[in-house]
Amino acid sequence: MHLEKWVLRDKNGFKNRFPRFTLGAGKSVTVRSGQGSDTSTTLSWGRSWYVWNNT
């Protein structure tokens, strides 16, 4: 499944648009809001602060 342009959003309006990325059948991806390198199983948003509601 191609996830390019899919958007994750929280109730406060923070949004993360997926880059060009293909998710294989039966596979999962971890999305991190912080710094890091994208891999075949992890996507990093590159923010330097917390954005998701963790309360």
C-alpha atoms as a PDB file:
ATOM      1  CA  MET A   1       0.000   0.000   0.000  1.00  0.00           C
ATOM      2  CA  HIS A   2       1.386   3.394  -0.944  1.00  0.00           C
ATOM      3  CA  LEU A   3       1.163   5.829   1.981  1.00  0.00           C
ATOM      4  CA  GLU A   4       2.521   8.896   0.202  1.00  0.00           C
ATOM      5  CA  LYS A   5       0.430  11.957   1.153  1.00  0.00           C
ATOM      6  CA  TRP A   6      -1.430  10.112   3.939  1.00  0.00           C
ATOM      7  CA  VAL A   7      -1.712  12.320   7.036  1.00  0.00           C
ATOM      8  CA  LEU A   8      -1.531  11.531  10.760  1.00  0.00           C
ATOM      9  CA  ARG A   9      -3.150  14.219  12.895  1.00  0.00           C
ATOM     10  CA  ASP A  10      -3.903  14.688  16.571  1.00  0.00           C
ATOM     11  CA  LYS A  11      -6.783  16.535  18.218  1.00  0.00           C
ATOM     12  CA  ASN A  12      -4.666  19.708  18.599  1.00  0.00           C
ATOM     13  CA  GLY A  13      -4.091  19.962  14.862  1.00  0.00           C
ATOM     14  CA  PHE A  14      -0.500  18.707  14.581  1.00  0.00           C
ATOM     15  CA  LYS A  15      -0.131  16.906  11.256  1.00  0.00           C
ATOM     16  CA  ASN A  16       2.483  14.633   9.770  1.00  0.00           C
ATOM     17  CA  ARG A  17       2.221  13.906   6.044  1.00  0.00           C
ATOM     18  CA  PHE A  18       3.829  10.648   4.961  1.00  0.00           C
ATOM     19  CA  PRO A  19       6.668  10.857   2.445  1.00  0.00           C
ATOM     20  CA  ARG A  20       6.883   8.440  -0.473  1.00  0.00           C
ATOM     21  CA  PHE A  21       6.557   5.131   1.359  1.00  0.00           C
ATOM     22  CA  THR A  22       5.213   1.676   0.525  1.00  0.00           C
ATOM     23  CA  LEU A  23       3.895  -0.541   3.304  1.00  0.00           C
ATOM     24  CA  GLY A  24       4.038  -4.226   2.443  1.00  0.00           C
ATOM     25  CA  ALA A  25       1.142  -6.615   3.058  1.00  0.00           C
ATOM     26  CA  GLY A  26       1.067  -7.741   6.697  1.00  0.00           C
ATOM     27  CA  LYS A  27       3.810  -5.241   7.658  1.00  0.00           C
ATOM     28  CA  SER A  28       3.768  -2.271  10.056  1.00  0.00           C
ATOM     29  CA  VAL A  29       5.588   1.017  10.305  1.00  0.00           C
ATOM     30  CA  THR A  30       6.599   3.001  13.404  1.00  0.00           C
ATOM     31  CA  VAL A  31       6.167   6.764  13.114  1.00  0.00           C
ATOM     32  CA  ARG A  32       8.403   8.870  15.359  1.00  0.00           C
ATOM     33  CA  SER A  33       7.970  12.594  15.794  1.00  0.00           C
ATOM     34  CA  GLY A  34      11.627  13.188  16.664  1.00  0.00           C
ATOM     35  CA  GLN A  35      14.920  13.200  14.796  1.00  0.00           C
ATOM     36  CA  GLY A  36      16.139  10.091  13.023  1.00  0.00           C
ATOM     37  CA  SER A  37      16.629   8.348   9.740  1.00  0.00           C
ATOM     38  CA  ASP A  38      13.792   6.784   7.787  1.00  0.00           C
ATOM     39  CA  THR A  39      14.057   3.046   7.232  1.00  0.00           C
ATOM     40  CA  SER A  40      11.783   0.390   5.764  1.00  0.00           C
ATOM     41  CA  THR A  41      10.093   0.029   9.202  1.00  0.00           C
ATOM     42  CA  THR A  42      10.460   3.487  10.817  1.00  0.00           C
ATOM     43  CA  LEU A  43       9.594   6.993   9.628  1.00  0.00           C
ATOM     44  CA  SER A  44      10.892  10.061  11.505  1.00  0.00           C
ATOM     45  CA  TRP A  45       9.143  13.414  11.341  1.00  0.00           C
ATOM     46  CA  GLY A  46      12.248  15.357  12.376  1.00  0.00           C
ATOM     47  CA  ARG A  47      10.686  17.558  15.090  1.00  0.00           C
ATOM     48  CA  SER A  48      12.757  18.699  18.061  1.00  0.00           C
ATOM     49  CA  TRP A  49       9.792  18.699  20.478  1.00  0.00           C
ATOM     50  CA  TYR A  50       6.946  16.362  21.462  1.00  0.00           C
ATOM     51  CA  VAL A  51       3.803  16.812  19.393  1.00  0.00           C
ATOM     52  CA  TRP A  52       1.475  13.902  20.071  1.00  0.00           C
ATOM     53  CA  ASN A  53      -0.915  14.008  23.004  1.00  0.00           C
ATOM     54  CA  ASN A  54       0.485  11.601  25.577  1.00  0.00           C
ATOM     55  CA  THR A  55      -1.839  12.339  28.478  1.00  0.00           C
END
